[in-house]
All heavy atoms as atom14 arrays in JSON, in Angstrom:
{
  "sequence": "QAPGKEREFVSAISGSGARTSYVNFVKGRFTISRDSVK",
  "atom14_mask": [
    [1, 1, 1, 1, 1, 1, 1, 1, 1, 0, 0, 0, 0, 0],
    [1, 1, 1, 1, 1, 0, 0, 0, 0, 0, 0, 0, 0, 0],
    [1, 1, 1, 1, 1, 1, 1, 0, 0, 0, 0, 0, 0, 0],
    [1, 1, 1, 1, 0, 0, 0, 0, 0, 0, 0, 0, 0, 0],
    [1, 1, 1, 1, 1, 1, 1, 1, 1, 0, 0, 0, 0, 0],
    [1, 1, 1, 1, 1, 1, 1, 1, 1, 0, 0, 0, 0, 0],
    [1, 1, 1, 1, 1, 1, 1, 1, 1, 1, 1, 0, 0, 0],
    [1, 1, 1, 1, 1, 1, 1, 1, 1, 0, 0, 0, 0, 0],
    [1, 1, 1, 1, 1, 1, 1, 1, 1, 1, 1, 0, 0, 0],
    [1, 1, 1, 1, 1, 1, 1, 0, 0, 0, 0, 0, 0, 0],
    [1, 1, 1, 1, 1, 1, 0, 0, 0, 0, 0, 0, 0, 0],
    [1, 1, 1, 1, 1, 0, 0, 0, 0, 0, 0, 0, 0, 0],
    [1, 1, 1, 1, 1, 1, 1, 1, 0, 0, 0, 0, 0, 0],
    [1, 1, 1, 1, 1, 1, 0, 0, 0, 0, 0, 0, 0, 0],
    [1, 1, 1, 1, 0, 0, 0, 0, 0, 0, 0, 0, 0, 0],
    [1, 1, 1, 1, 1, 1, 0, 0, 0, 0, 0, 0, 0, 0],
    [1, 1, 1, 1, 0, 0, 0, 0, 0, 0, 0, 0, 0, 0],
    [1, 1, 1, 1, 1, 0, 0, 0, 0, 0, 0, 0, 0, 0],
    [1, 1, 1, 1, 1, 1, 1, 1, 1, 1, 1, 0, 0, 0],
    [1, 1, 1, 1, 1, 1, 1, 0, 0, 0, 0, 0, 0, 0],
    [1, 1, 1, 1, 1, 1, 0, 0, 0, 0, 0, 0, 0, 0],
    [1, 1, 1, 1, 1, 1, 1, 1, 1, 1, 1, 1, 0, 0],
    [1, 1, 1, 1, 1, 1, 1, 0, 0, 0, 0, 0, 0, 0],
    [1, 1, 1, 1, 1, 1, 1, 1, 0, 0, 0, 0, 0, 0],
    [1, 1, 1, 1, 1, 1, 1, 1, 1, 1, 1, 0, 0, 0],
    [1, 1, 1, 1, 1, 1, 1, 0, 0, 0, 0, 0, 0, 0],
    [1, 1, 1, 1, 1, 1, 1, 1, 1, 0, 0, 0, 0, 0],
    [1, 1, 1, 1, 0, 0, 0, 0, 0, 0, 0, 0, 0, 0],
    [1, 1, 1, 1, 1, 1, 1, 1, 1, 1, 1, 0, 0, 0],
    [1, 1, 1, 1, 1, 1, 1, 1, 1, 1, 1, 0, 0, 0],
    [1, 1, 1, 1, 1, 1, 1, 0, 0, 0, 0, 0, 0, 0],
    [1, 1, 1, 1, 1, 1, 1, 1, 0, 0, 0, 0, 0, 0],
    [1, 1, 1, 1, 1, 1, 0, 0, 0, 0, 0, 0, 0, 0],
    [1, 1, 1, 1, 1, 1, 1, 1, 1, 1, 1, 0, 0, 0],
    [1, 1, 1, 1, 1, 1, 1, 1, 0, 0, 0, 0, 0, 0],
    [1, 1, 1, 1, 1, 1, 0, 0, 0, 0, 0, 0, 0, 0],
    [1, 1, 1, 1, 1, 1, 1, 0, 0, 0, 0, 0, 0, 0],
    [1, 1, 1, 1, 1, 1, 1, 1, 1, 0, 0, 0, 0, 0]
  ],
  "atom14_positions": [
    [[0.85, -1.19, 0.0], [0.0, 0.0, 0.0], [0.88, 1.23, 0.0], [1.67, 1.45, 0.92], [-0.93, 0.0, 1.22], [-1.97, 1.1, 1.18], [-3.08, 0.89, 2.18], [-2.95, 0.12, 3.14], [-4.21, 1.54, 1.96], [0.0, 0.0, 0.0], [0.0, 0.0, 0.0], [0.0, 0.0, 0.0], [0.0, 0.0, 0.0], [0.0, 0.0, 0.0]],
    [[0.73, 2.02, -1.06], [1.46, 3.28, -1.17], [0.59, 4.4, -0.61], [-0.64, 4.26, -0.54], [1.79, 3.55, -2.63], [0.0, 0.0, 0.0], [0.0, 0.0, 0.0], [0.0, 0.0, 0.0], [0.0, 0.0, 0.0], [0.0, 0.0, 0.0], [0.0, 0.0, 0.0], [0.0, 0.0, 0.0], [0.0, 0.0, 0.0], [0.0, 0.0, 0.0]],
    [[1.19, 5.5, -0.2], [0.41, 6.61, 0.36], [-0.68, 7.07, -0.59], [-0.43, 7.3, -1.78], [1.47, 7.7, 0.56], [2.74, 6.98, 0.71], [2.64, 5.77, -0.18], [0.0, 0.0, 0.0], [0.0, 0.0, 0.0], [0.0, 0.0, 0.0], [0.0, 0.0, 0.0], [0.0, 0.0, 0.0], [0.0, 0.0, 0.0], [0.0, 0.0, 0.0]],
    [[-1.89, 7.17, -0.07], [-3.01, 7.64, -0.85], [-3.59, 6.63, -1.82], [-4.48, 6.96, -2.61], [0.0, 0.0, 0.0], [0.0, 0.0, 0.0], [0.0, 0.0, 0.0], [0.0, 0.0, 0.0], [0.0, 0.0, 0.0], [0.0, 0.0, 0.0], [0.0, 0.0, 0.0], [0.0, 0.0, 0.0], [0.0, 0.0, 0.0], [0.0, 0.0, 0.0]],
    [[-3.08, 5.41, -1.78], [-3.57, 4.38, -2.7], [-4.15, 3.2, -1.92], [-3.88, 3.03, -0.74], [-2.44, 3.9, -3.61], [-1.92, 4.95, -4.56], [-0.94, 4.37, -5.55], [-0.47, 5.41, -6.54], [0.48, 4.83, -7.54], [0.0, 0.0, 0.0], [0.0, 0.0, 0.0], [0.0, 0.0, 0.0], [0.0, 0.0, 0.0], [0.0, 0.0, 0.0]],
    [[-4.92, 2.4, -2.61], [-5.5, 1.23, -1.99], [-4.44, 0.12, -1.88], [-3.48, 0.09, -2.63], [-6.69, 0.74, -2.8], [-7.88, 1.69, -2.78], [-9.09, 1.09, -3.47], [-8.98, 0.01, -4.05], [-10.16, 1.73, -3.41], [0.0, 0.0, 0.0], [0.0, 0.0, 0.0], [0.0, 0.0, 0.0], [0.0, 0.0, 0.0], [0.0, 0.0, 0.0]],
    [[-4.7, -0.79, -0.95], [-3.82, -1.94, -0.82], [-3.96, -2.8, -2.07], [-5.07, -3.08, -2.53], [-4.21, -2.74, 0.43], [-3.22, -3.81, 0.8], [-3.49, -4.33, 2.2], [-3.39, -3.27, 3.2], [-3.39, -3.5, 4.51], [-3.5, -4.75, 4.97], [-3.32, -2.5, 5.35], [0.0, 0.0, 0.0], [0.0, 0.0, 0.0], [0.0, 0.0, 0.0]],
    [[-2.83, -3.26, -2.62], [-2.87, -4.04, -3.84], [-2.09, -5.34, -3.7], [-1.1, -5.43, -2.97], [-2.3, -3.24, -5.02], [-0.86, -2.81, -4.88], [-0.39, -1.96, -6.06], [-1.17, -1.69, -6.99], [0.8, -1.58, -6.04], [0.0, 0.0, 0.0], [0.0, 0.0, 0.0], [0.0, 0.0, 0.0], [0.0, 0.0, 0.0], [0.0, 0.0, 0.0]],
    [[-2.56, -6.33, -4.42], [-1.93, -7.64, -4.43], [-0.58, -7.58, -5.14], [-0.45, -6.92, -6.18], [-2.85, -8.63, -5.14], [-2.2, -9.95, -5.45], [-2.06, -10.91, -4.47], [-1.75, -10.21, -6.73], [-1.47, -12.13, -4.76], [-1.16, -11.43, -7.04], [-1.01, -12.39, -6.05], [0.0, 0.0, 0.0], [0.0, 0.0, 0.0], [0.0, 0.0, 0.0]],
    [[0.4, -8.31, -4.61], [1.71, -8.39, -5.23], [2.04, -9.82, -5.65], [2.41, -10.07, -6.79], [2.8, -7.87, -4.27], [4.19, -8.06, -4.88], [2.57, -6.41, -3.93], [0.0, 0.0, 0.0], [0.0, 0.0, 0.0], [0.0, 0.0, 0.0], [0.0, 0.0, 0.0], [0.0, 0.0, 0.0], [0.0, 0.0, 0.0], [0.0, 0.0, 0.0]],
    [[1.89, -10.75, -4.71], [2.3, -12.13, -5.0], [1.63, -13.07, -4.01], [1.2, -12.65, -2.92], [3.82, -12.26, -4.9], [4.25, -13.56, -5.23], [0.0, 0.0, 0.0], [0.0, 0.0, 0.0], [0.0, 0.0, 0.0], [0.0, 0.0, 0.0], [0.0, 0.0, 0.0], [0.0, 0.0, 0.0], [0.0, 0.0, 0.0], [0.0, 0.0, 0.0]],
    [[1.54, -14.35, -4.4], [0.92, -15.34, -3.52], [1.64, -16.67, -3.67], [2.25, -16.96, -4.7], [-0.56, -15.52, -3.86], [0.0, 0.0, 0.0], [0.0, 0.0, 0.0], [0.0, 0.0, 0.0], [0.0, 0.0, 0.0], [0.0, 0.0, 0.0], [0.0, 0.0, 0.0], [0.0, 0.0, 0.0], [0.0, 0.0, 0.0], [0.0, 0.0, 0.0]],
    [[1.54, -17.48, -2.62], [2.15, -18.81, -2.64], [1.22, -19.76, -1.91], [0.59, -19.39, -0.9], [3.57, -18.78, -2.02], [4.3, -20.09, -2.25], [3.51, -18.42, -0.54], [5.8, -20.0, -1.95], [0.0, 0.0, 0.0], [0.0, 0.0, 0.0], [0.0, 0.0, 0.0], [0.0, 0.0, 0.0], [0.0, 0.0, 0.0], [0.0, 0.0, 0.0]],
    [[1.13, -20.98, -2.4], [0.27, -21.97, -1.77], [0.92, -22.52, -0.5], [2.1, -22.27, -0.25], [-0.02, -23.11, -2.75], [1.2, -23.76, -3.12], [0.0, 0.0, 0.0], [0.0, 0.0, 0.0], [0.0, 0.0, 0.0], [0.0, 0.0, 0.0], [0.0, 0.0, 0.0], [0.0, 0.0, 0.0], [0.0, 0.0, 0.0], [0.0, 0.0, 0.0]],
    [[0.17, -23.29, 0.26], [0.69, -23.82, 1.52], [1.93, -24.69, 1.32], [2.88, -24.63, 2.09], [0.0, 0.0, 0.0], [0.0, 0.0, 0.0], [0.0, 0.0, 0.0], [0.0, 0.0, 0.0], [0.0, 0.0, 0.0], [0.0, 0.0, 0.0], [0.0, 0.0, 0.0], [0.0, 0.0, 0.0], [0.0, 0.0, 0.0], [0.0, 0.0, 0.0]],
    [[1.91, -25.48, 0.27], [3.05, -26.36, -0.01], [4.2, -25.63, -0.67], [5.33, -26.13, -0.71], [2.6, -27.51, -0.9], [2.28, -27.02, -2.2], [0.0, 0.0, 0.0], [0.0, 0.0, 0.0], [0.0, 0.0, 0.0], [0.0, 0.0, 0.0], [0.0, 0.0, 0.0], [0.0, 0.0, 0.0], [0.0, 0.0, 0.0], [0.0, 0.0, 0.0]],
    [[3.91, -24.47, -1.23], [4.92, -23.73, -1.99], [4.99, -24.14, -3.45], [5.78, -23.58, -4.21], [0.0, 0.0, 0.0], [0.0, 0.0, 0.0], [0.0, 0.0, 0.0], [0.0, 0.0, 0.0], [0.0, 0.0, 0.0], [0.0, 0.0, 0.0], [0.0, 0.0, 0.0], [0.0, 0.0, 0.0], [0.0, 0.0, 0.0], [0.0, 0.0, 0.0]],
    [[4.16, -25.07, -3.85], [4.24, -25.58, -5.22], [3.68, -24.6, -6.24], [4.04, -24.64, -7.41], [3.49, -26.9, -5.32], [0.0, 0.0, 0.0], [0.0, 0.0, 0.0], [0.0, 0.0, 0.0], [0.0, 0.0, 0.0], [0.0, 0.0, 0.0], [0.0, 0.0, 0.0], [0.0, 0.0, 0.0], [0.0, 0.0, 0.0], [0.0, 0.0, 0.0]],
    [[2.77, -23.75, -5.8], [2.13, -22.81, -6.71], [2.41, -21.38, -6.27], [2.37, -21.07, -5.08], [0.63, -23.05, -6.76], [0.23, -24.44, -7.24], [-1.27, -24.55, -7.32], [-1.8, -23.67, -8.34], [-3.09, -23.36, -8.46], [-3.96, -23.84, -7.6], [-3.5, -22.56, -9.42], [0.0, 0.0, 0.0], [0.0, 0.0, 0.0], [0.0, 0.0, 0.0]],
    [[2.7, -20.54, -7.25], [2.94, -19.12, -6.97], [2.26, -18.28, -8.04], [1.93, -18.77, -9.13], [4.44, -18.79, -6.97], [4.99, -19.11, -8.25], [5.19, -19.56, -5.89], [0.0, 0.0, 0.0], [0.0, 0.0, 0.0], [0.0, 0.0, 0.0], [0.0, 0.0, 0.0], [0.0, 0.0, 0.0], [0.0, 0.0, 0.0], [0.0, 0.0, 0.0]],
    [[2.08, -17.02, -7.72], [1.47, -16.09, -8.67], [1.99, -14.69, -8.39], [2.33, -14.37, -7.25], [-0.05, -16.13, -8.56], [-0.64, -15.26, -9.51], [0.0, 0.0, 0.0], [0.0, 0.0, 0.0], [0.0, 0.0, 0.0], [0.0, 0.0, 0.0], [0.0, 0.0, 0.0], [0.0, 0.0, 0.0], [0.0, 0.0, 0.0], [0.0, 0.0, 0.0]],
    [[2.03, -13.87, -9.45], [2.53, -12.51, -9.33], [1.63, -11.56, -10.12], [1.12, -11.92, -11.18], [3.95, -12.4, -9.89], [4.93, -13.34, -9.25], [5.13, -14.62, -9.75], [5.67, -12.94, -8.13], [6.03, -15.49, -9.15], [6.56, -13.8, -7.53], [6.74, -15.08, -8.06], [7.63, -15.94, -7.46], [0.0, 0.0, 0.0], [0.0, 0.0, 0.0]],
    [[1.52, -10.36, -9.62], [0.86, -9.32, -10.41], [1.81, -8.93, -11.54], [3.04, -9.06, -11.43], [0.51, -8.12, -9.5], [1.77, -7.4, -9.05], [-0.45, -7.19, -10.2], [0.0, 0.0, 0.0], [0.0, 0.0, 0.0], [0.0, 0.0, 0.0], [0.0, 0.0, 0.0], [0.0, 0.0, 0.0], [0.0, 0.0, 0.0], [0.0, 0.0, 0.0]],
    [[1.24, -8.47, -12.64], [2.05, -8.25, -13.85], [3.23, -7.31, -13.63], [4.32, -7.55, -14.17], [1.16, -7.69, -14.96], [0.33, -8.79, -15.62], [0.64, -9.97, -15.5], [-0.74, -8.39, -16.3], [0.0, 0.0, 0.0], [0.0, 0.0, 0.0], [0.0, 0.0, 0.0], [0.0, 0.0, 0.0], [0.0, 0.0, 0.0], [0.0, 0.0, 0.0]],
    [[3.03, -6.27, -12.84], [4.09, -5.27, -12.75], [5.29, -5.71, -11.91], [6.27, -4.96, -11.8], [3.56, -3.92, -12.27], [2.78, -3.95, -10.99], [3.4, -4.11, -9.76], [1.4, -3.81, -11.01], [2.67, -4.13, -8.59], [0.66, -3.84, -9.84], [1.29, -4.0, -8.63], [0.0, 0.0, 0.0], [0.0, 0.0, 0.0], [0.0, 0.0, 0.0]],
    [[5.26, -6.91, -11.33], [6.44, -7.41, -10.62], [6.98, -8.7, -11.24], [8.03, -9.19, -10.81], [6.17, -7.65, -9.12], [5.61, -6.39, -8.47], [5.26, -8.84, -8.88], [0.0, 0.0, 0.0], [0.0, 0.0, 0.0], [0.0, 0.0, 0.0], [0.0, 0.0, 0.0], [0.0, 0.0, 0.0], [0.0, 0.0, 0.0], [0.0, 0.0, 0.0]],
    [[6.28, -9.22, -12.23], [6.75, -10.46, -12.86], [8.15, -10.27, -13.43], [8.43, -9.27, -14.09], [5.79, -10.88, -13.97], [4.54, -11.56, -13.46], [3.65, -12.0, -14.62], [2.41, -12.69, -14.1], [1.49, -13.08, -15.21], [0.0, 0.0, 0.0], [0.0, 0.0, 0.0], [0.0, 0.0, 0.0], [0.0, 0.0, 0.0], [0.0, 0.0, 0.0]],
    [[9.0, -11.23, -13.16], [10.38, -11.16, -13.63], [11.3, -10.39, -12.7], [12.53, -10.43, -12.87], [0.0, 0.0, 0.0], [0.0, 0.0, 0.0], [0.0, 0.0, 0.0], [0.0, 0.0, 0.0], [0.0, 0.0, 0.0], [0.0, 0.0, 0.0], [0.0, 0.0, 0.0], [0.0, 0.0, 0.0], [0.0, 0.0, 0.0], [0.0, 0.0, 0.0]],
    [[10.73, -9.66, -11.74], [11.55, -8.9, -10.79], [11.44, -9.46, -9.37], [12.41, -9.43, -8.62], [11.12, -7.43, -10.78], [11.25, -6.73, -12.11], [11.05, -5.22, -11.94], [9.73, -4.88, -11.45], [9.5, -4.1, -10.39], [10.51, -3.59, -9.7], [8.26, -3.82, -10.01], [0.0, 0.0, 0.0], [0.0, 0.0, 0.0], [0.0, 0.0, 0.0]],
    [[10.26, -9.92, -8.98], [10.03, -10.41, -7.62], [9.88, -11.93, -7.65], [9.35, -12.49, -8.6], [8.75, -9.81, -7.04], [8.81, -8.33, -6.76], [9.86, -7.54, -7.18], [7.78, -7.73, -6.04], [9.9, -6.17, -6.91], [7.8, -6.36, -5.75], [8.86, -5.59, -6.2], [0.0, 0.0, 0.0], [0.0, 0.0, 0.0], [0.0, 0.0, 0.0]],
    [[10.33, -12.56, -6.57], [10.18, -14.0, -6.41], [9.7, -14.32, -5.0], [10.32, -13.87, -4.03], [11.5, -14.72, -6.66], [11.99, -14.4, -7.97], [11.32, -16.24, -6.57], [0.0, 0.0, 0.0], [0.0, 0.0, 0.0], [0.0, 0.0, 0.0], [0.0, 0.0, 0.0], [0.0, 0.0, 0.0], [0.0, 0.0, 0.0], [0.0, 0.0, 0.0]],
    [[8.62, -15.06, -4.92], [8.1, -15.48, -3.63], [8.53, -16.92, -3.36], [8.59, -17.74, -4.27], [6.56, -15.35, -3.57], [6.05, -15.51, -2.14], [5.89, -16.31, -4.53], [4.56, -15.15, -2.0], [0.0, 0.0, 0.0], [0.0, 0.0, 0.0], [0.0, 0.0, 0.0], [0.0, 0.0, 0.0], [0.0, 0.0, 0.0], [0.0, 0.0, 0.0]],
    [[8.85, -17.21, -2.11], [9.26, -18.57, -1.75], [8.96, -18.78, -0.27], [8.63, -17.83, 0.44], [10.76, -18.78, -2.02], [11.54, -17.89, -1.22], [0.0, 0.0, 0.0], [0.0, 0.0, 0.0], [0.0, 0.0, 0.0], [0.0, 0.0, 0.0], [0.0, 0.0, 0.0], [0.0, 0.0, 0.0], [0.0, 0.0, 0.0], [0.0, 0.0, 0.0]],
    [[9.04, -20.03, 0.15], [8.8, -20.3, 1.57], [9.74, -21.38, 2.07], [10.14, -22.27, 1.3], [7.34, -20.65, 1.83], [6.83, -21.93, 1.24], [5.3, -22.01, 1.38], [4.85, -21.81, 2.74], [3.61, -21.44, 3.08], [2.7, -21.23, 2.14], [3.27, -21.27, 4.36], [0.0, 0.0, 0.0], [0.0, 0.0, 0.0], [0.0, 0.0, 0.0]],
    [[10.08, -21.28, 3.34], [10.96, -22.24, 4.0], [10.15, -22.85, 5.13], [9.87, -22.17, 6.13], [12.2, -21.52, 4.53], [13.22, -22.45, 5.14], [12.81, -23.48, 5.73], [14.42, -22.18, 5.05], [0.0, 0.0, 0.0], [0.0, 0.0, 0.0], [0.0, 0.0, 0.0], [0.0, 0.0, 0.0], [0.0, 0.0, 0.0], [0.0, 0.0, 0.0]],
    [[9.78, -24.11, 4.97], [8.9, -24.75, 5.95], [9.62, -25.0, 7.28], [8.98, -25.08, 8.32], [8.36, -26.07, 5.4], [9.43, -26.95, 5.1], [0.0, 0.0, 0.0], [0.0, 0.0, 0.0], [0.0, 0.0, 0.0], [0.0, 0.0, 0.0], [0.0, 0.0, 0.0], [0.0, 0.0, 0.0], [0.0, 0.0, 0.0], [0.0, 0.0, 0.0]],
    [[10.92, -25.12, 7.24], [11.69, -25.35, 8.48], [11.73, -24.06, 9.3], [11.56, -24.08, 10.52], [13.11, -25.84, 8.17], [13.93, -25.92, 9.44], [13.06, -27.18, 7.46], [0.0, 0.0, 0.0], [0.0, 0.0, 0.0], [0.0, 0.0, 0.0], [0.0, 0.0, 0.0], [0.0, 0.0, 0.0], [0.0, 0.0, 0.0], [0.0, 0.0, 0.0]],
    [[11.92, -22.94, 8.62], [12.02, -21.65, 9.31], [10.66, -20.98, 9.48], [10.58, -19.89, 10.05], [12.97, -20.73, 8.55], [14.41, -21.22, 8.53], [15.32, -20.23, 7.83], [16.76, -20.71, 7.86], [17.68, -19.76, 7.18], [0.0, 0.0, 0.0], [0.0, 0.0, 0.0], [0.0, 0.0, 0.0], [0.0, 0.0, 0.0], [0.0, 0.0, 0.0]]
  ]
}
């Protein structure tokens, strides 16, 4: 959420980490991941 703007989706990951998704304006720049141990 930027000042004066609505909260917007950036990225998501499933519980297992097998599936991910990104909004277009971060594709290729952002990477979501998860560490189940940590």
